[in-house]
């Protein structure tokens, strides 16, 4: 016997489920900022980007899956000091992502690993580690949302200038952890301790 064509893979039912998904996220979720990563200065030799910018933050509602609190390894005392390994999962609507993100940035067709999410309640920035696009699994033959697996963002001298005062304030508070060493820079200017022009065997001074 064939399946009922009026329920499975029927666009009317699929649109209803999608609209309900968006309504639930808007009702029970929170407004976040989606901050896309922009790369520049590609290292041809190693195939990696030496420069990263975060210059725009786009509002988008998200549902917080981790309702019992942050998961992950938590706060760890290591030889490098206190490390915070909080993680959190968000759910966003595929349709709303297209409306808010892709229409403004056509090259971004889906949430990307490496992009950032600003969580206003915790005043914290999280990095997307993985994007699951098949959960829930094909309800009525269609996918309606993305699940974002995120971890607290570790600053590494990235340029974050979104124009949002809250986001930029969080970055400024953490910049000192990985900021520039003023003492070494001062010594370098006086004694040129970082000058390898005479003994540079790799770039012949063209570094």
Foldseek 3Di string as FASTA:
>chain_A
DDDDPCQFLHVVNVVVVLVVVQVCQVVQWDKKWWWFKDFDDADPVVRHGPAIAGAATWIFGKHWPPPVAWDAPAWDQDPLGIDGKTKTKIKHWLVRCCVTPCVVPVVPNDDDFQIWMQDVVVLFIKTFHDKDQQVVHQRSHDTTIIMTIIITDDDAPHHYHHVDPSNVVSCVVCCVVRDDDPVVVVVCVVPVPVDCCPPDPPPNNPD
